[in-house]
Amino acid sequence: MLAGLAASTGFVTPTAQLSATTTGRAATRPPAAVADTLPDALKIVVLGSSVPYGQGATDKYGYAARYGQLLAHRAAAGQGAAWKLSNISIPGDNTVKVLARWQRDLRPQHGRYLILALSLGNEGIHERGQPMFDQFKANLQQLVARARAEGMVPVVTNCYTRNDYTPADYAFIKQMNLLLHGWAVPSANLLGAVDDGTGHWAPGYWNDALHPNDLGHAEMAHALVPSLFDALRAGKAQPRRVATSFVRLGPTRRGSAPTLTLQPEALLHPFTQVISFRTAGTGQVLALQDSTAHGSVTIAPGGTLTYTSAKGGRVAGTRRVNDNRWHQVMLTHYYAAGRTVLYLDGTEVGSLAEKLLTRQLSLGGRLAPAGGQYRNWLFYRAGMNADEARALAADSLLQSSLELYAPLDGRRGAAGDSLSNLAQSTNRLRVLVEPGQSRGTQPATSGRLKSKH
């Protein structure tokens, strides 16, 4: 059964805030809100540089165009609105150039939604370091503020790879992305799609040192949440970390063993899943359905954590986790780099060389530890590095490419669904009853299981 205790926890709230105060030669006060044109409520405008333009891809069919095609397929299937995507990206652009051409190029588009698709590379991070980091941050804040002042809804893409980046450049990229994870603006983690682990393009996924090829662009498109703009159109607020209790999963005395399942909204390549659990038992914490087989994260008889891949590999931990204390398990997969990494409480346990095609993730069921408690289920459409793993373990809510944030608050009944998804997507958790059970065997409190997004 799903039940929770009235025990809240103290979470770290992201402190990075957008500010209208900027520095640098292109940073000026945003103009007053304008009302000379009515925006197209279903139009998305992409404003950026060569990678969103499509450089490196056949016929310039880059990640932005691929995402537009995905939105069209969703609309045709009745899964989302009939979005229109206009790409006004120009190779070589940076924040200074985009601010300079804002009035000329963006205003005539009359789009309601804006994707700001820039990165530190064109800003000059490789050549000039910290001053360009500061300029990028200030001017990107200015662009977001200006979009909002003019009635647009901005979305930001995070910084990504280049083959000429040094370790110092890579550190700047990761530092900026951690900031963007916490800004009050939706964002997409492009680095988590194509990173080789050193800030360079994954092997086989680049056209030249600065640009991805067709495969690289496809990976970057996978990192954008498919229903993000449908959620924004519906007025879904950006999530904030909330205090929660937990839900119980696993076999019960009444013979039921409900399972919570998540099916990603579209074809999934890179991903990160995070769940916190507390138990004194053993069994399966997480199940992953791949295209042809099952994988799992389990607590072994000795109390240690083990990841068993659908491809047959295994990563075994050494720390005991069935000590009735809260632990966080993070499994992250870089499809392009061909690597899956298991983290426990922010520390890497081990990794496997593999490529997964994950179709479904599940918690609970008959294989789960009896009476196990779960909270804060997060699912991202991108891989995550060690810096991000440590931030998550410190209870920061990272938001880039976030498709699911389910606090799993068992205290909440009909007035507040315990399975709510607070992420800016329209995806939702589902409750399944295993074969041989009937829904009538679920406890009276099962009304709390009705999911919503």
Protein backbone atom coordinates (compact mmCIF):
# COMPACT_ATOMS: atom_id res chain seq x y z
CA MET A 1 0.00 0.00 0.00
CA LEU A 2 1.02 3.60 -0.35
CA ALA A 3 1.16 5.35 2.97
CA GLY A 4 3.25 8.17 4.32
CA LEU A 5 4.46 9.56 7.59
CA ALA A 6 3.99 13.20 8.55
CA ALA A 7 7.72 13.83 8.57
CA SER A 8 9.00 16.68 6.45
CA THR A 9 12.59 17.18 5.41
CA GLY A 10 14.66 20.28 4.89
CA PHE A 11 15.70 20.71 1.29
CA VAL A 12 18.23 22.98 -0.30
CA THR A 13 16.51 25.52 -2.52
CA PRO A 14 18.46 26.65 -5.60
CA THR A 15 19.88 30.08 -4.93
CA ALA A 16 20.71 31.16 -8.46
CA GLN A 17 18.33 33.96 -9.41
CA LEU A 18 17.78 35.84 -12.63
CA SER A 19 18.63 39.48 -12.32
CA ALA A 20 17.90 42.45 -14.53
CA THR A 21 21.24 43.93 -13.51
CA THR A 22 23.97 42.89 -15.93
CA THR A 23 27.43 43.92 -16.94
CA GLY A 24 29.29 43.99 -20.23
CA ARG A 25 28.99 46.16 -23.25
CA ALA A 26 25.76 44.58 -24.51
CA ALA A 27 23.92 44.51 -21.21
CA THR A 28 21.32 47.28 -21.06
CA ARG A 29 18.04 47.74 -19.22
CA PRO A 30 15.19 45.71 -20.78
CA PRO A 31 12.67 47.80 -22.70
CA ALA A 32 9.19 48.27 -21.37
CA ALA A 33 6.62 45.65 -22.31
CA VAL A 34 5.26 46.20 -25.80
CA ALA A 35 1.78 45.68 -27.15
CA ASP A 36 2.18 46.61 -30.82
CA THR A 37 1.65 43.04 -32.02
CA LEU A 38 -0.14 39.98 -30.73
CA PRO A 39 2.14 36.96 -30.40
CA ASP A 40 1.39 33.70 -32.17
CA ALA A 41 0.38 31.50 -29.24
CA LEU A 42 1.71 28.33 -30.91
CA LYS A 43 4.94 29.66 -32.37
CA ILE A 44 8.39 28.79 -31.00
CA VAL A 45 11.36 30.82 -32.18
CA VAL A 46 14.90 29.46 -31.90
CA LEU A 47 17.50 32.22 -31.49
CA GLY A 48 21.09 31.05 -31.35
CA SER A 49 24.28 30.18 -33.19
CA SER A 50 25.64 27.54 -35.59
CA VAL A 51 24.71 24.37 -33.70
CA PRO A 52 20.97 25.18 -33.40
CA TYR A 53 21.21 26.48 -36.98
CA GLY A 54 22.07 22.91 -37.96
CA GLN A 55 25.76 23.20 -38.82
CA GLY A 56 27.32 19.77 -39.25
CA ALA A 57 24.04 18.03 -40.07
CA THR A 58 22.91 16.90 -43.51
CA ASP A 59 20.84 19.66 -45.14
CA LYS A 60 21.15 21.59 -41.84
CA TYR A 61 18.61 19.22 -40.28
CA GLY A 62 19.94 19.88 -36.80
CA TYR A 63 18.63 19.33 -33.30
CA ALA A 64 16.22 22.28 -33.44
CA ALA A 65 14.65 21.05 -36.69
CA ARG A 66 14.47 17.52 -35.29
CA TYR A 67 12.69 18.78 -32.20
CA GLY A 68 10.23 20.68 -34.40
CA GLN A 69 9.54 17.46 -36.30
CA LEU A 70 8.94 15.62 -33.02
CA LEU A 71 6.41 18.26 -32.00
CA ALA A 72 4.65 17.83 -35.35
CA HIS A 73 4.46 14.06 -34.87
CA ARG A 74 3.04 14.54 -31.38
CA ALA A 75 0.40 16.92 -32.73
CA ALA A 76 -0.57 14.46 -35.47
CA ALA A 77 -0.96 11.73 -32.84
CA GLY A 78 -3.13 13.95 -30.65
CA GLN A 79 -0.45 14.16 -27.96
CA GLY A 80 0.26 17.88 -28.11
CA ALA A 81 -0.58 21.19 -29.73
CA ALA A 82 0.14 22.04 -33.38
CA TRP A 83 3.36 23.93 -32.70
CA LYS A 84 5.21 25.94 -35.33
CA LEU A 85 8.96 26.32 -35.00
CA SER A 86 10.95 29.12 -36.64
CA ASN A 87 14.74 29.02 -36.54
CA ILE A 88 16.55 32.38 -36.82
CA SER A 89 19.90 31.17 -35.53
CA ILE A 90 23.05 32.50 -37.22
CA PRO A 91 26.44 30.75 -37.16
CA GLY A 92 28.99 32.61 -35.06
CA ASP A 93 26.48 34.37 -32.85
CA ASN A 94 27.03 34.94 -29.14
CA THR A 95 25.08 36.85 -26.50
CA VAL A 96 26.41 40.22 -27.67
CA LYS A 97 25.39 39.63 -31.30
CA VAL A 98 21.97 38.27 -30.36
CA LEU A 99 21.25 41.32 -28.21
CA ALA A 100 22.28 43.54 -31.11
CA ARG A 101 19.92 41.87 -33.62
CA TRP A 102 17.01 41.32 -31.24
CA GLN A 103 14.88 44.17 -32.55
CA ARG A 104 15.60 43.45 -36.21
CA ASP A 105 15.26 39.65 -36.29
CA LEU A 106 13.22 38.47 -33.32
CA ARG A 107 10.48 41.06 -32.95
CA PRO A 108 9.01 40.48 -36.46
CA GLN A 109 8.60 36.77 -35.67
CA HIS A 110 5.76 37.46 -33.20
CA GLY A 111 6.43 34.17 -31.42
CA ARG A 112 5.07 33.51 -27.96
CA TYR A 113 7.90 31.12 -27.02
CA LEU A 114 11.63 31.66 -27.38
CA ILE A 115 14.49 29.15 -27.20
CA LEU A 116 17.76 30.92 -26.41
CA ALA A 117 20.31 28.50 -27.87
CA LEU A 118 23.78 29.85 -27.14
CA SER A 119 26.93 28.47 -25.54
CA LEU A 120 30.20 29.62 -24.01
CA GLY A 121 32.24 28.58 -27.05
CA ASN A 122 31.29 31.52 -29.25
CA GLU A 123 31.46 33.79 -26.23
CA GLY A 124 35.22 33.20 -26.15
CA ILE A 125 35.59 30.99 -23.09
CA HIS A 126 38.51 29.09 -24.65
CA GLU A 127 40.42 32.26 -25.43
CA ARG A 128 39.58 34.57 -22.51
CA GLY A 129 38.17 32.47 -19.67
CA GLN A 130 36.50 34.12 -16.67
CA PRO A 131 35.58 37.50 -18.25
CA MET A 132 33.66 35.68 -20.98
CA PHE A 133 31.97 33.45 -18.41
CA ASP A 134 30.79 36.56 -16.61
CA GLN A 135 29.66 38.24 -19.84
CA PHE A 136 27.72 35.17 -20.96
CA LYS A 137 25.96 34.87 -17.61
CA ALA A 138 25.04 38.57 -17.44
CA ASN A 139 23.88 38.85 -21.04
CA LEU A 140 21.88 35.61 -20.93
CA GLN A 141 20.09 36.95 -17.87
CA GLN A 142 19.44 40.09 -19.86
CA LEU A 143 18.02 38.11 -22.78
CA VAL A 144 15.68 36.16 -20.52
CA ALA A 145 14.49 39.34 -18.79
CA ARG A 146 13.96 41.11 -22.10
CA ALA A 147 11.95 38.21 -23.51
CA ARG A 148 9.64 38.28 -20.52
CA ALA A 149 9.31 42.05 -20.64
CA GLU A 150 8.14 41.72 -24.24
CA GLY A 151 5.56 39.05 -23.46
CA MET A 152 7.53 35.97 -24.50
CA VAL A 153 8.13 32.75 -22.58
CA PRO A 154 11.87 31.96 -22.68
CA VAL A 155 13.60 28.57 -22.61
CA VAL A 156 17.39 28.20 -22.40
CA THR A 157 19.65 25.45 -23.74
CA ASN A 158 22.67 24.65 -21.57
CA CYS A 159 26.28 24.82 -22.75
CA TYR A 160 27.77 21.86 -24.60
CA THR A 161 30.98 20.35 -25.95
CA ARG A 162 33.82 21.27 -28.30
CA ASN A 163 36.87 19.24 -29.19
CA ASP A 164 39.27 22.10 -28.44
CA TYR A 165 38.11 22.55 -24.85
CA THR A 166 40.76 22.25 -22.14
CA PRO A 167 40.02 20.94 -18.62
CA ALA A 168 39.68 24.58 -17.53
CA ASP A 169 37.14 25.24 -20.31
CA TYR A 170 35.21 22.11 -19.33
CA ALA A 171 35.10 23.29 -15.73
CA PHE A 172 33.54 26.58 -16.88
CA ILE A 173 30.95 24.67 -18.96
CA LYS A 174 29.93 22.51 -15.99
CA GLN A 175 29.87 25.51 -13.64
CA MET A 176 27.60 27.47 -15.98
CA ASN A 177 25.29 24.50 -16.44
CA LEU A 178 24.91 24.07 -12.69
CA LEU A 179 23.80 27.69 -12.53
CA LEU A 180 21.34 27.22 -15.40
CA HIS A 181 19.89 24.15 -13.66
CA GLY A 182 18.76 26.48 -10.87
CA TRP A 183 17.66 29.56 -12.81
CA ALA A 184 13.97 30.46 -12.88
CA VAL A 185 13.66 29.52 -16.55
CA PRO A 186 13.08 26.16 -18.27
CA SER A 187 16.25 24.66 -19.74
CA ALA A 188 17.66 21.66 -21.62
CA ASN A 189 20.86 19.81 -20.74
CA LEU A 190 22.58 19.44 -24.12
CA LEU A 191 25.94 18.61 -22.53
CA GLY A 192 24.37 15.50 -21.04
CA ALA A 193 23.55 14.24 -24.53
CA VAL A 194 26.94 14.44 -26.27
CA ASP A 195 29.66 14.73 -23.61
CA ASP A 196 32.47 12.15 -23.70
CA GLY A 197 33.27 12.88 -20.06
CA THR A 198 36.01 15.44 -20.78
CA GLY A 199 34.02 18.21 -22.48
CA HIS A 200 34.59 16.88 -26.00
CA TRP A 201 32.09 15.39 -28.44
CA ALA A 202 31.46 11.68 -27.95
CA PRO A 203 33.43 9.67 -30.56
CA GLY A 204 31.50 9.31 -33.81
CA TYR A 205 29.09 12.13 -32.94
CA TRP A 206 30.91 15.15 -34.37
CA ASN A 207 31.33 16.67 -37.81
CA ASP A 208 34.23 18.95 -36.93
CA ALA A 209 35.78 20.18 -33.70
CA LEU A 210 33.00 22.70 -33.12
CA HIS A 211 29.88 20.98 -34.45
CA PRO A 212 28.00 17.68 -34.09
CA ASN A 213 27.14 15.47 -37.05
CA ASP A 214 23.73 13.94 -37.75
CA LEU A 215 24.09 11.52 -34.84
CA GLY A 216 25.18 14.29 -32.50
CA HIS A 217 22.28 16.52 -33.45
CA ALA A 218 19.87 13.62 -32.91
CA GLU A 219 21.25 13.07 -29.41
CA MET A 220 20.84 16.73 -28.53
CA ALA A 221 17.22 16.67 -29.72
CA HIS A 222 16.53 13.76 -27.36
CA ALA A 223 17.50 15.99 -24.42
CA LEU A 224 14.56 18.36 -24.93
CA VAL A 225 11.44 17.34 -23.03
CA PRO A 226 8.82 16.49 -25.69
CA SER A 227 5.84 18.01 -23.84
CA LEU A 228 7.67 21.03 -22.38
CA PHE A 229 5.80 23.59 -24.47
CA ASP A 230 2.45 21.91 -23.91
CA ALA A 231 3.12 22.19 -20.17
CA LEU A 232 4.13 25.85 -20.51
CA ARG A 233 1.04 26.59 -22.57
CA ALA A 234 -1.10 25.01 -19.85
CA GLY A 235 0.49 27.36 -17.31
CA LYS A 236 2.41 24.70 -15.43
CA ALA A 237 4.77 26.44 -13.05
CA GLN A 238 8.47 25.75 -12.84
CA PRO A 239 9.02 23.21 -10.06
CA ARG A 240 10.55 24.00 -6.71
CA ARG A 241 11.84 21.46 -4.24
CA VAL A 242 9.08 20.66 -1.76
CA ALA A 243 9.18 18.91 1.60
CA THR A 244 7.68 15.44 1.39
CA SER A 245 7.14 12.29 3.39
CA PHE A 246 7.16 9.06 1.36
CA VAL A 247 5.11 6.28 -0.15
CA ARG A 248 5.39 2.60 0.72
CA LEU A 249 5.89 0.06 -2.06
CA GLY A 250 6.49 -3.67 -2.14
CA PRO A 251 4.49 -6.69 -0.98
CA THR A 252 1.92 -5.99 1.73
CA ARG A 253 0.07 -8.12 4.26
CA ARG A 254 -3.06 -7.79 2.15
CA GLY A 255 -1.35 -9.52 -0.77
CA SER A 256 -1.09 -6.47 -3.01
CA ALA A 257 2.11 -5.19 -4.57
CA PRO A 258 1.36 -2.08 -6.63
CA THR A 259 3.97 -0.88 -9.09
CA LEU A 260 4.64 2.72 -10.12
CA THR A 261 5.72 3.01 -13.73
CA LEU A 262 7.09 5.79 -15.91
CA GLN A 263 7.17 5.61 -19.68
CA PRO A 264 9.33 8.34 -21.26
CA GLU A 265 7.38 10.50 -23.68
CA ALA A 266 9.43 9.73 -26.79
CA LEU A 267 12.43 7.70 -27.94
CA LEU A 268 14.96 7.84 -25.13
CA HIS A 269 18.73 7.75 -25.48
CA PRO A 270 20.57 9.59 -22.67
CA PHE A 271 18.84 9.68 -19.29
CA THR A 272 19.28 10.05 -15.56
CA GLN A 273 16.95 8.62 -12.95
CA VAL A 274 17.12 9.43 -9.25
CA ILE A 275 15.15 7.93 -6.36
CA SER A 276 15.54 8.09 -2.57
CA PHE A 277 14.64 5.00 -0.55
CA ARG A 278 14.67 3.67 3.02
CA THR A 279 14.40 0.00 3.97
CA ALA A 280 15.71 -2.72 6.22
CA GLY A 281 14.99 -5.39 3.62
CA THR A 282 16.37 -6.70 0.37
CA GLY A 283 14.98 -6.81 -3.15
CA GLN A 284 14.53 -4.74 -6.28
CA VAL A 285 14.61 -0.97 -5.87
CA LEU A 286 14.23 -0.06 -9.54
CA ALA A 287 13.38 -1.97 -12.73
CA LEU A 288 14.34 -0.80 -16.22
CA GLN A 289 12.68 -2.23 -19.31
CA ASP A 290 15.04 -2.02 -22.28
CA SER A 291 14.05 -2.69 -25.88
CA THR A 292 14.74 -6.42 -25.50
CA ALA A 293 15.45 -7.23 -21.83
CA HIS A 294 15.15 -6.05 -18.23
CA GLY A 295 17.69 -4.32 -16.01
CA SER A 296 17.45 -3.55 -12.31
CA VAL A 297 18.94 -1.90 -9.26
CA THR A 298 18.62 -4.25 -6.29
CA ILE A 299 19.64 -4.64 -2.67
CA ALA A 300 21.55 -7.90 -2.44
CA PRO A 301 21.22 -10.34 0.50
CA GLY A 302 24.29 -8.74 2.05
CA GLY A 303 22.59 -5.34 1.99
CA THR A 304 24.71 -3.80 -0.79
CA LEU A 305 23.46 -2.14 -3.96
CA THR A 306 23.82 -3.83 -7.36
CA TYR A 307 23.02 -2.56 -10.86
CA THR A 308 22.32 -5.38 -13.32
CA SER A 309 22.15 -4.16 -16.89
CA ALA A 310 19.69 -5.33 -19.50
CA LYS A 311 22.84 -5.96 -21.54
CA GLY A 312 24.19 -8.38 -18.94
CA GLY A 313 26.81 -6.31 -17.09
CA ARG A 314 26.87 -5.73 -13.33
CA VAL A 315 28.06 -3.01 -10.97
CA ALA A 316 28.18 -4.03 -7.30
CA GLY A 317 28.56 -1.66 -4.38
CA THR A 318 30.26 -2.35 -1.07
CA ARG A 319 28.25 -0.13 1.32
CA ARG A 320 25.29 -1.55 3.19
CA VAL A 321 22.11 0.35 2.30
CA ASN A 322 19.39 -1.63 4.11
CA ASP A 323 20.13 0.18 7.37
CA ASN A 324 16.71 1.87 7.62
CA ARG A 325 18.24 5.21 6.66
CA TRP A 326 17.52 7.33 3.62
CA HIS A 327 19.75 6.76 0.59
CA GLN A 328 19.69 8.21 -2.90
CA VAL A 329 20.46 6.08 -5.94
CA MET A 330 21.22 7.76 -9.26
CA LEU A 331 21.63 5.85 -12.51
CA THR A 332 22.81 7.93 -15.44
CA HIS A 333 23.28 6.84 -19.04
CA TYR A 334 25.26 8.57 -21.79
CA TYR A 335 24.07 6.85 -24.95
CA ALA A 336 26.50 8.61 -27.28
CA ALA A 337 29.49 7.96 -25.04
CA GLY A 338 28.22 4.42 -24.38
CA ARG A 339 28.47 4.59 -20.60
CA THR A 340 26.17 3.98 -17.63
CA VAL A 341 27.22 5.14 -14.16
CA LEU A 342 25.73 4.14 -10.81
CA TYR A 343 25.90 6.66 -7.95
CA LEU A 344 24.98 6.16 -4.31
CA ASP A 345 24.43 9.28 -2.20
CA GLY A 346 26.40 11.36 -4.71
CA THR A 347 29.41 9.03 -4.91
CA GLU A 348 30.19 6.92 -7.97
CA VAL A 349 29.86 3.19 -7.34
CA GLY A 350 30.98 2.01 -10.79
CA SER A 351 30.19 2.12 -14.50
CA LEU A 352 29.55 -0.06 -17.54
CA ALA A 353 30.30 0.40 -21.23
CA GLU A 354 26.93 -0.04 -22.95
CA LYS A 355 24.16 1.56 -24.99
CA LEU A 356 20.63 1.27 -23.62
CA LEU A 357 17.22 1.88 -25.17
CA THR A 358 15.12 2.24 -22.03
CA ARG A 359 11.37 2.04 -22.57
CA GLN A 360 9.98 2.01 -19.02
CA LEU A 361 11.10 2.45 -15.42
CA SER A 362 9.30 0.96 -12.42
CA LEU A 363 9.28 1.10 -8.63
CA GLY A 364 7.63 -1.44 -6.36
CA GLY A 365 5.99 -4.73 -7.27
CA ARG A 366 6.46 -8.16 -5.76
CA LEU A 367 10.26 -8.07 -6.03
CA ALA A 368 10.61 -4.84 -4.03
CA PRO A 369 11.69 -4.84 -0.37
CA ALA A 370 8.67 -5.35 1.87
CA GLY A 371 7.62 -2.08 3.46
CA GLY A 372 10.18 -0.08 1.49
CA GLN A 373 9.74 3.69 1.55
CA TYR A 374 10.37 5.92 -1.48
CA ARG A 375 10.42 9.65 -2.15
CA ASN A 376 11.62 12.22 -4.70
CA TRP A 377 11.60 10.36 -8.02
CA LEU A 378 13.40 12.41 -10.67
CA PHE A 379 13.82 11.54 -14.32
CA TYR A 380 15.91 13.53 -16.82
CA ARG A 381 16.36 13.19 -20.57
CA ALA A 382 20.14 13.63 -20.33
CA GLY A 383 23.16 12.09 -18.70
CA MET A 384 24.65 13.81 -15.65
CA ASN A 385 28.22 14.24 -14.45
CA ALA A 386 29.76 13.89 -11.00
CA ASP A 387 29.22 17.57 -10.15
CA GLU A 388 25.51 17.22 -10.86
CA ALA A 389 25.36 13.97 -8.87
CA ARG A 390 26.81 15.72 -5.81
CA ALA A 391 24.35 18.59 -6.18
CA LEU A 392 21.42 16.17 -6.33
CA ALA A 393 22.69 14.31 -3.27
CA ALA A 394 22.77 17.66 -1.43
CA ASP A 395 19.01 17.99 -2.16
CA SER A 396 19.33 20.62 -4.88
CA LEU A 397 16.61 20.37 -7.50
CA LEU A 398 18.34 20.43 -10.90
CA GLN A 399 15.83 21.27 -13.60
CA SER A 400 17.41 21.04 -17.06
CA SER A 401 15.77 18.29 -19.19
CA LEU A 402 13.59 17.28 -16.24
CA GLU A 403 10.63 15.15 -17.37
CA LEU A 404 9.53 13.86 -13.97
CA TYR A 405 9.67 15.26 -10.46
CA ALA A 406 7.39 13.22 -8.23
CA PRO A 407 7.87 14.01 -4.51
CA LEU A 408 5.80 10.88 -3.68
CA ASP A 409 4.20 12.52 -0.68
CA GLY A 410 2.07 9.83 0.96
CA ARG A 411 0.50 12.36 3.35
CA ARG A 412 -1.48 13.82 0.49
CA GLY A 413 -4.93 12.49 -0.32
CA ALA A 414 -7.59 13.62 -2.78
CA ALA A 415 -6.78 17.30 -2.26
CA GLY A 416 -3.14 16.80 -3.18
CA ASP A 417 -2.18 13.80 -5.26
CA SER A 418 0.72 11.77 -3.86
CA LEU A 419 1.82 10.89 -7.41
CA SER A 420 1.81 14.39 -8.89
CA ASN A 421 4.49 15.22 -11.44
CA LEU A 422 5.77 18.74 -10.72
CA ALA A 423 8.15 18.85 -13.68
CA GLN A 424 7.23 20.99 -16.68
CA SER A 425 5.99 18.09 -18.76
CA THR A 426 2.61 16.43 -19.23
CA ASN A 427 3.93 12.95 -18.48
CA ARG A 428 2.49 11.14 -15.48
CA LEU A 429 3.13 8.15 -13.28
CA ARG A 430 0.91 5.11 -13.60
CA VAL A 431 -0.07 2.53 -11.02
CA LEU A 432 -0.13 -1.08 -12.19
CA VAL A 433 -1.43 -4.16 -10.43
CA GLU A 434 0.59 -7.28 -11.17
CA PRO A 435 -1.08 -10.27 -12.88
CA GLY A 436 -2.99 -12.37 -10.41
CA GLN A 437 -4.09 -9.37 -8.37
CA SER A 438 -7.31 -7.45 -8.67
CA ARG A 439 -7.70 -3.80 -8.02
CA GLY A 440 -10.11 -4.75 -5.27
CA THR A 441 -7.19 -6.07 -3.23
CA GLN A 442 -5.68 -2.62 -2.96
CA PRO A 443 -6.16 -0.86 0.37
CA ALA A 444 -8.85 1.69 0.95
CA THR A 445 -6.26 4.43 0.78
CA SER A 446 -5.53 3.52 -2.86
CA GLY A 447 -7.53 6.58 -3.91
CA ARG A 448 -4.28 8.41 -3.31
CA LEU A 449 -2.83 6.57 -6.28
CA LYS A 450 -4.80 8.48 -8.88
CA SER A 451 -2.07 10.14 -10.87
CA LYS A 452 -2.09 13.54 -12.45
CA HIS A 453 0.50 15.78 -14.10
